[in-house]
Every structure is written in C-alpha cells, then in structure tokens.
Amino acid sequence: MEDRQKLEQMVNEINQLQQQGETIAQQIEQLNISLNDIRTAQEAVKGIKGAAGKETLVPIGAGCFITTELKSEDVVVGVGSDVAIKRSREETEETLKTDKEEVENLIKSLTEQLQKINEYITQRRPEVERLMKEQGVQ
C-alpha cells in the first residue's frame, strides 16, 4: 500500500511540475515578444539620430507608412497607466538598453528554472514507471 501512495504522490508531483513548466514556457514566450518589441524600438530610436528636420517614413500599420518631418529627436515614452513623457533620444536609448537587459535576465532565469524542472521530471520518471509496472497501472 505504501508503494501505491508513493506512486500517487510522485504522479501528482510530476503533473504539478509539468503545469508549472508550461506556465514558465508561456512566460518565456511573452518575454521574447517583449524583447523583440524592445529591439525594434531600439533600432527605431537609433534611426532618428541626426534626423531632426528631415523627412522620414512612419509606420501606421498593415504595411502602410506616412511621410513626416521630424521636428526633434525627442521620443514620447509610455511609463504606465496610460501616462507618457517626453525623453531625449539618448535617455530613451539608455532606458531601452536597461529594459532589454532586465528582460534578457528574466528570460535566462526562467529558462534555468524550466531546465531544472525538466531535469527533475526526467530523473523521477523511471521510478514512476517502475512503480506503475509493479502496481499494474498503465
């Protein structure tokens, strides 16, 4: 009877870890989307260096652009809660660099957690399979 309880406990533990792993994988996916957005913004901000007073194309969506003249290199940056502030191009580049590093570190940390979970599951699976076989569970 003790083996049966151990088997149930191990199966529950593995199921919980698999769910946790799936959640982490989804978080990593969302962070990668954010990282791509940051990289795109970094390239755009770099692209306006020295462009004040010149015509440029601004994407408006669906592959469409409008021609406009940049009056300055300042960038309006969202800071949360539908609030945006004007920052210099240099300040914006620094903010984006910091944001990128934070997201990259978070992705690294979550990837390490996911790897540990997967390694643990891989280590425990043979014992679970052995107990299942002994208990006649398929």
N, C-alpha and C. Protein backbone atom coordinates (compact mmCIF):
# COMPACT_ATOMS: atom_id res chain seq x y z
N MET A 1 0.83 -1.20 0.00
CA MET A 1 0.00 0.00 0.00
C MET A 1 0.87 1.26 0.00
N GLU A 2 2.03 1.16 0.64
CA GLU A 2 2.92 2.30 0.71
C GLU A 2 3.42 2.69 -0.68
N ASP A 3 3.70 1.69 -1.53
CA ASP A 3 4.14 1.97 -2.89
C ASP A 3 3.06 2.68 -3.69
N ARG A 4 1.82 2.32 -3.46
CA ARG A 4 0.69 2.95 -4.18
C ARG A 4 0.60 4.44 -3.81
N GLN A 5 0.72 4.74 -2.52
CA GLN A 5 0.68 6.13 -2.07
C GLN A 5 1.87 6.91 -2.63
N LYS A 6 3.02 6.26 -2.61
CA LYS A 6 4.22 6.91 -3.16
C LYS A 6 4.04 7.19 -4.64
N LEU A 7 3.47 6.24 -5.35
CA LEU A 7 3.21 6.42 -6.79
C LEU A 7 2.26 7.59 -7.02
N GLU A 8 1.17 7.63 -6.29
CA GLU A 8 0.21 8.73 -6.44
C GLU A 8 0.85 10.08 -6.14
N GLN A 9 1.65 10.10 -5.09
CA GLN A 9 2.34 11.34 -4.71
C GLN A 9 3.30 11.77 -5.83
N MET A 10 4.04 10.83 -6.36
CA MET A 10 5.01 11.15 -7.41
C MET A 10 4.31 11.60 -8.70
N VAL A 11 3.23 10.94 -9.05
CA VAL A 11 2.47 11.32 -10.25
C VAL A 11 1.90 12.72 -10.08
N ASN A 12 1.35 13.01 -8.90
CA ASN A 12 0.82 14.35 -8.63
C ASN A 12 1.93 15.40 -8.71
N GLU A 13 3.08 15.08 -8.13
CA GLU A 13 4.21 16.00 -8.15
C GLU A 13 4.65 16.27 -9.59
N ILE A 14 4.78 15.23 -10.39
CA ILE A 14 5.20 15.39 -11.78
C ILE A 14 4.16 16.20 -12.56
N ASN A 15 2.89 15.94 -12.33
CA ASN A 15 1.84 16.70 -13.02
C ASN A 15 1.90 18.18 -12.65
N GLN A 16 2.10 18.46 -11.37
CA GLN A 16 2.21 19.86 -10.93
C GLN A 16 3.43 20.53 -11.55
N LEU A 17 4.54 19.82 -11.59
CA LEU A 17 5.76 20.37 -12.18
C LEU A 17 5.60 20.60 -13.68
N GLN A 18 4.90 19.69 -14.35
CA GLN A 18 4.65 19.88 -15.78
C GLN A 18 3.79 21.12 -16.02
N GLN A 19 2.77 21.32 -15.20
CA GLN A 19 1.94 22.52 -15.31
C GLN A 19 2.77 23.78 -15.04
N GLN A 20 3.62 23.72 -14.03
CA GLN A 20 4.48 24.85 -13.72
C GLN A 20 5.42 25.12 -14.89
N GLY A 21 5.95 24.06 -15.48
CA GLY A 21 6.83 24.20 -16.63
C GLY A 21 6.12 24.84 -17.82
N GLU A 22 4.87 24.45 -18.04
CA GLU A 22 4.09 25.04 -19.13
C GLU A 22 3.86 26.53 -18.88
N THR A 23 3.58 26.89 -17.64
CA THR A 23 3.38 28.29 -17.29
C THR A 23 4.66 29.08 -17.52
N ILE A 24 5.78 28.52 -17.11
CA ILE A 24 7.06 29.20 -17.32
C ILE A 24 7.35 29.34 -18.80
N ALA A 25 7.07 28.31 -19.58
CA ALA A 25 7.30 28.37 -21.03
C ALA A 25 6.45 29.48 -21.66
N GLN A 26 5.22 29.64 -21.20
CA GLN A 26 4.36 30.72 -21.71
C GLN A 26 4.93 32.08 -21.32
N GLN A 27 5.44 32.19 -20.10
CA GLN A 27 6.04 33.45 -19.66
C GLN A 27 7.26 33.78 -20.52
N ILE A 28 8.08 32.78 -20.80
CA ILE A 28 9.25 32.98 -21.65
C ILE A 28 8.83 33.45 -23.03
N GLU A 29 7.78 32.85 -23.56
CA GLU A 29 7.28 33.25 -24.88
C GLU A 29 6.83 34.71 -24.89
N GLN A 30 6.11 35.12 -23.86
CA GLN A 30 5.67 36.52 -23.76
C GLN A 30 6.86 37.46 -23.60
N LEU A 31 7.84 37.05 -22.82
CA LEU A 31 9.03 37.88 -22.64
C LEU A 31 9.82 38.01 -23.93
N ASN A 32 9.85 36.94 -24.73
CA ASN A 32 10.54 37.02 -26.02
C ASN A 32 9.83 38.01 -26.95
N ILE A 33 8.51 38.06 -26.87
CA ILE A 33 7.75 39.04 -27.66
C ILE A 33 8.12 40.45 -27.20
N SER A 34 8.17 40.64 -25.89
CA SER A 34 8.56 41.95 -25.33
C SER A 34 9.99 42.31 -25.74
N LEU A 35 10.87 41.33 -25.72
CA LEU A 35 12.26 41.57 -26.11
C LEU A 35 12.35 42.00 -27.57
N ASN A 36 11.57 41.37 -28.43
CA ASN A 36 11.54 41.78 -29.84
C ASN A 36 11.01 43.19 -30.00
N ASP A 37 10.00 43.55 -29.22
CA ASP A 37 9.46 44.92 -29.26
C ASP A 37 10.54 45.92 -28.83
N ILE A 38 11.27 45.58 -27.79
CA ILE A 38 12.34 46.47 -27.31
C ILE A 38 13.41 46.64 -28.38
N ARG A 39 13.80 45.53 -29.01
CA ARG A 39 14.82 45.60 -30.06
C ARG A 39 14.34 46.46 -31.24
N THR A 40 13.08 46.31 -31.61
CA THR A 40 12.52 47.12 -32.69
C THR A 40 12.55 48.60 -32.32
N ALA A 41 12.17 48.90 -31.07
CA ALA A 41 12.19 50.29 -30.61
C ALA A 41 13.61 50.82 -30.58
N GLN A 42 14.57 49.99 -30.15
CA GLN A 42 15.97 50.43 -30.13
C GLN A 42 16.44 50.82 -31.54
N GLU A 43 16.11 50.00 -32.51
CA GLU A 43 16.51 50.29 -33.89
C GLU A 43 15.86 51.58 -34.39
N ALA A 44 14.59 51.77 -34.05
CA ALA A 44 13.88 52.98 -34.48
C ALA A 44 14.49 54.23 -33.84
N VAL A 45 14.80 54.14 -32.56
CA VAL A 45 15.38 55.28 -31.85
C VAL A 45 16.78 55.59 -32.40
N LYS A 46 17.56 54.56 -32.67
CA LYS A 46 18.88 54.77 -33.28
C LYS A 46 18.73 55.42 -34.65
N GLY A 47 17.68 55.04 -35.37
CA GLY A 47 17.45 55.54 -36.72
C GLY A 47 17.11 57.02 -36.79
N ILE A 48 16.66 57.61 -35.69
CA ILE A 48 16.31 59.04 -35.74
C ILE A 48 17.48 59.94 -35.39
N LYS A 49 18.63 59.34 -35.05
CA LYS A 49 19.80 60.15 -34.72
C LYS A 49 20.17 61.02 -35.92
N GLY A 50 20.19 62.31 -35.71
CA GLY A 50 20.54 63.25 -36.77
C GLY A 50 19.43 63.47 -37.79
N ALA A 51 18.23 62.99 -37.51
CA ALA A 51 17.14 63.09 -38.47
C ALA A 51 16.21 64.28 -38.23
N ALA A 52 16.44 65.06 -37.18
CA ALA A 52 15.58 66.22 -36.92
C ALA A 52 15.63 67.16 -38.12
N GLY A 53 14.45 67.58 -38.56
CA GLY A 53 14.33 68.47 -39.71
C GLY A 53 14.30 67.76 -41.05
N LYS A 54 14.41 66.42 -41.03
CA LYS A 54 14.40 65.65 -42.27
C LYS A 54 13.10 64.87 -42.38
N GLU A 55 12.75 64.53 -43.62
CA GLU A 55 11.56 63.70 -43.85
C GLU A 55 11.89 62.25 -43.53
N THR A 56 10.89 61.57 -43.00
CA THR A 56 11.05 60.15 -42.69
C THR A 56 9.71 59.45 -42.88
N LEU A 57 9.75 58.14 -42.97
CA LEU A 57 8.53 57.34 -43.06
C LEU A 57 8.18 56.82 -41.68
N VAL A 58 6.92 56.93 -41.34
CA VAL A 58 6.43 56.45 -40.05
C VAL A 58 5.40 55.36 -40.31
N PRO A 59 5.63 54.15 -39.77
CA PRO A 59 4.66 53.07 -39.97
C PRO A 59 3.35 53.36 -39.23
N ILE A 60 2.24 53.11 -39.91
CA ILE A 60 0.94 53.30 -39.27
C ILE A 60 0.17 51.99 -39.16
N GLY A 61 0.80 50.90 -39.61
CA GLY A 61 0.19 49.58 -39.50
C GLY A 61 -0.16 49.00 -40.86
N ALA A 62 -0.30 47.69 -40.90
CA ALA A 62 -0.69 46.96 -42.10
C ALA A 62 0.23 47.26 -43.28
N GLY A 63 1.51 47.49 -42.99
CA GLY A 63 2.47 47.76 -44.05
C GLY A 63 2.34 49.13 -44.69
N CYS A 64 1.62 50.03 -44.05
CA CYS A 64 1.42 51.38 -44.57
C CYS A 64 2.28 52.38 -43.79
N PHE A 65 2.73 53.43 -44.50
CA PHE A 65 3.58 54.45 -43.90
C PHE A 65 3.07 55.82 -44.30
N ILE A 66 3.38 56.81 -43.47
CA ILE A 66 3.15 58.20 -43.85
C ILE A 66 4.49 58.91 -43.84
N THR A 67 4.60 59.91 -44.69
CA THR A 67 5.80 60.72 -44.71
C THR A 67 5.62 61.89 -43.77
N THR A 68 6.63 62.12 -42.95
CA THR A 68 6.55 63.22 -42.00
C THR A 68 7.94 63.82 -41.80
N GLU A 69 7.97 65.00 -41.24
CA GLU A 69 9.23 65.64 -40.93
C GLU A 69 9.42 65.62 -39.42
N LEU A 70 10.56 65.08 -38.97
CA LEU A 70 10.85 65.06 -37.54
C LEU A 70 11.26 66.44 -37.07
N LYS A 71 10.57 66.94 -36.06
CA LYS A 71 10.90 68.26 -35.52
C LYS A 71 12.02 68.17 -34.50
N SER A 72 12.16 67.00 -33.86
CA SER A 72 13.23 66.82 -32.87
C SER A 72 13.55 65.33 -32.77
N GLU A 73 14.56 65.04 -32.00
CA GLU A 73 14.91 63.64 -31.75
C GLU A 73 14.28 63.13 -30.45
N ASP A 74 13.44 63.95 -29.83
CA ASP A 74 12.77 63.52 -28.60
C ASP A 74 11.80 62.39 -28.90
N VAL A 75 11.60 61.55 -27.89
CA VAL A 75 10.72 60.40 -28.03
C VAL A 75 9.69 60.45 -26.91
N VAL A 76 8.43 60.20 -27.24
CA VAL A 76 7.39 60.12 -26.22
C VAL A 76 7.34 58.65 -25.76
N VAL A 77 7.56 58.44 -24.46
CA VAL A 77 7.71 57.11 -23.90
C VAL A 77 6.59 56.84 -22.90
N GLY A 78 5.90 55.72 -23.08
CA GLY A 78 4.88 55.31 -22.13
C GLY A 78 5.54 54.85 -20.84
N VAL A 79 5.03 55.32 -19.71
CA VAL A 79 5.58 54.95 -18.41
C VAL A 79 4.58 54.18 -17.55
N GLY A 80 3.45 53.81 -18.14
CA GLY A 80 2.44 53.04 -17.42
C GLY A 80 1.20 53.85 -17.12
N SER A 81 0.11 53.14 -16.87
CA SER A 81 -1.18 53.76 -16.53
C SER A 81 -1.58 54.84 -17.52
N ASP A 82 -1.37 54.57 -18.81
CA ASP A 82 -1.72 55.50 -19.88
C ASP A 82 -1.06 56.86 -19.72
N VAL A 83 0.15 56.88 -19.14
CA VAL A 83 0.92 58.10 -18.96
C VAL A 83 2.15 57.99 -19.84
N ALA A 84 2.45 59.07 -20.57
CA ALA A 84 3.64 59.12 -21.41
C ALA A 84 4.40 60.41 -21.13
N ILE A 85 5.72 60.33 -21.26
CA ILE A 85 6.55 61.51 -21.04
C ILE A 85 7.51 61.67 -22.21
N LYS A 86 7.96 62.89 -22.41
CA LYS A 86 8.92 63.16 -23.48
C LYS A 86 10.33 62.98 -22.92
N ARG A 87 11.13 62.22 -23.66
CA ARG A 87 12.52 61.99 -23.27
C ARG A 87 13.42 62.24 -24.48
N SER A 88 14.66 62.55 -24.20
CA SER A 88 15.61 62.71 -25.29
C SER A 88 15.90 61.34 -25.91
N ARG A 89 16.42 61.37 -27.11
CA ARG A 89 16.78 60.12 -27.79
C ARG A 89 17.79 59.35 -26.93
N GLU A 90 18.76 60.05 -26.36
CA GLU A 90 19.79 59.41 -25.55
C GLU A 90 19.19 58.74 -24.31
N GLU A 91 18.29 59.46 -23.63
CA GLU A 91 17.63 58.89 -22.44
C GLU A 91 16.82 57.65 -22.83
N THR A 92 16.14 57.75 -23.96
CA THR A 92 15.32 56.63 -24.42
C THR A 92 16.19 55.43 -24.75
N GLU A 93 17.32 55.68 -25.43
CA GLU A 93 18.23 54.57 -25.74
C GLU A 93 18.70 53.89 -24.46
N GLU A 94 19.03 54.67 -23.44
CA GLU A 94 19.51 54.11 -22.18
C GLU A 94 18.40 53.32 -21.48
N THR A 95 17.19 53.86 -21.49
CA THR A 95 16.06 53.16 -20.88
C THR A 95 15.80 51.83 -21.59
N LEU A 96 15.82 51.86 -22.91
CA LEU A 96 15.59 50.63 -23.69
C LEU A 96 16.69 49.61 -23.44
N LYS A 97 17.92 50.08 -23.31
CA LYS A 97 19.04 49.19 -23.02
C LYS A 97 18.83 48.49 -21.68
N THR A 98 18.43 49.28 -20.67
CA THR A 98 18.18 48.72 -19.35
C THR A 98 17.01 47.74 -19.38
N ASP A 99 15.92 48.12 -20.06
CA ASP A 99 14.77 47.24 -20.17
C ASP A 99 15.15 45.93 -20.84
N LYS A 100 15.94 46.02 -21.91
CA LYS A 100 16.37 44.83 -22.65
C LYS A 100 17.17 43.91 -21.74
N GLU A 101 18.10 44.47 -20.98
CA GLU A 101 18.92 43.67 -20.07
C GLU A 101 18.05 42.98 -19.02
N GLU A 102 17.08 43.70 -18.47
CA GLU A 102 16.19 43.12 -17.46
C GLU A 102 15.38 41.96 -18.04
N VAL A 103 14.84 42.15 -19.23
CA VAL A 103 14.05 41.09 -19.87
C VAL A 103 14.95 39.89 -20.20
N GLU A 104 16.14 40.15 -20.71
CA GLU A 104 17.07 39.06 -21.02
C GLU A 104 17.43 38.27 -19.77
N ASN A 105 17.68 38.98 -18.66
CA ASN A 105 18.00 38.30 -17.40
C ASN A 105 16.82 37.47 -16.90
N LEU A 106 15.62 38.01 -17.04
CA LEU A 106 14.43 37.27 -16.62
C LEU A 106 14.23 36.03 -17.48
N ILE A 107 14.43 36.16 -18.79
CA ILE A 107 14.32 35.01 -19.68
C ILE A 107 15.35 33.95 -19.28
N LYS A 108 16.57 34.39 -18.99
CA LYS A 108 17.62 33.45 -18.59
C LYS A 108 17.23 32.72 -17.31
N SER A 109 16.74 33.47 -16.33
CA SER A 109 16.35 32.88 -15.06
C SER A 109 15.21 31.87 -15.23
N LEU A 110 14.20 32.26 -15.99
CA LEU A 110 13.06 31.36 -16.21
C LEU A 110 13.47 30.12 -17.00
N THR A 111 14.38 30.31 -17.95
CA THR A 111 14.85 29.17 -18.74
C THR A 111 15.61 28.19 -17.86
N GLU A 112 16.40 28.71 -16.92
CA GLU A 112 17.11 27.86 -15.97
C GLU A 112 16.12 27.10 -15.07
N GLN A 113 15.07 27.79 -14.61
CA GLN A 113 14.04 27.13 -13.80
C GLN A 113 13.37 26.02 -14.59
N LEU A 114 13.04 26.31 -15.83
CA LEU A 114 12.37 25.32 -16.68
C LEU A 114 13.29 24.12 -16.91
N GLN A 115 14.55 24.37 -17.12
CA GLN A 115 15.51 23.28 -17.32
C GLN A 115 15.61 22.40 -16.07
N LYS A 116 15.63 23.02 -14.89
CA LYS A 116 15.70 22.26 -13.64
C LYS A 116 14.44 21.40 -13.46
N ILE A 117 13.30 21.97 -13.78
CA ILE A 117 12.04 21.21 -13.68
C ILE A 117 12.08 20.02 -14.62
N ASN A 118 12.49 20.26 -15.85
CA ASN A 118 12.53 19.17 -16.83
C ASN A 118 13.54 18.09 -16.44
N GLU A 119 14.68 18.50 -15.89
CA GLU A 119 15.68 17.52 -15.43
C GLU A 119 15.12 16.70 -14.27
N TYR A 120 14.43 17.35 -13.34
CA TYR A 120 13.85 16.65 -12.20
C TYR A 120 12.82 15.63 -12.68
N ILE A 121 11.95 16.06 -13.59
CA ILE A 121 10.93 15.15 -14.12
C ILE A 121 11.59 13.97 -14.81
N THR A 122 12.63 14.23 -15.59
CA THR A 122 13.33 13.17 -16.30
C THR A 122 13.97 12.18 -15.32
N GLN A 123 14.48 12.68 -14.21
CA GLN A 123 15.09 11.81 -13.20
C GLN A 123 14.04 10.96 -12.49
N ARG A 124 12.88 11.52 -12.24
CA ARG A 124 11.83 10.81 -11.47
C ARG A 124 11.01 9.85 -12.31
N ARG A 125 10.93 10.10 -13.61
CA ARG A 125 10.06 9.32 -14.49
C ARG A 125 10.35 7.81 -14.44
N PRO A 126 11.62 7.36 -14.47
CA PRO A 126 11.86 5.91 -14.42
C PRO A 126 11.31 5.26 -13.16
N GLU A 127 11.43 5.94 -12.03
CA GLU A 127 10.89 5.37 -10.78
C GLU A 127 9.38 5.30 -10.83
N VAL A 128 8.75 6.33 -11.38
CA VAL A 128 7.29 6.32 -11.52
C VAL A 128 6.87 5.17 -12.42
N GLU A 129 7.56 5.00 -13.53
CA GLU A 129 7.22 3.91 -14.45
C GLU A 129 7.41 2.54 -13.80
N ARG A 130 8.48 2.41 -12.99
CA ARG A 130 8.72 1.14 -12.27
C ARG A 130 7.59 0.87 -11.29
N LEU A 131 7.20 1.89 -10.52
CA LEU A 131 6.12 1.72 -9.54
C LEU A 131 4.79 1.42 -10.25
N MET A 132 4.57 2.06 -11.38
CA MET A 132 3.34 1.79 -12.13
C MET A 132 3.29 0.34 -12.60
N LYS A 133 4.43 -0.13 -13.06
CA LYS A 133 4.52 -1.51 -13.54
C LYS A 133 4.27 -2.48 -12.39
N GLU A 134 4.87 -2.20 -11.23
CA GLU A 134 4.69 -3.05 -10.04
C GLU A 134 3.24 -3.05 -9.58
N GLN A 135 2.57 -1.93 -9.71
CA GLN A 135 1.19 -1.79 -9.25
C GLN A 135 0.19 -2.26 -10.30
N GLY A 136 0.70 -2.55 -11.50
CA GLY A 136 -0.18 -2.98 -12.57
C GLY A 136 -0.99 -1.84 -13.16
N VAL A 137 -0.48 -0.61 -13.03
CA VAL A 137 -1.16 0.58 -13.54
C VAL A 137 -0.58 0.89 -14.91
N GLN A 138 -1.46 1.24 -15.83
CA GLN A 138 -1.00 1.57 -17.19
C GLN A 138 -1.13 3.02 -17.48
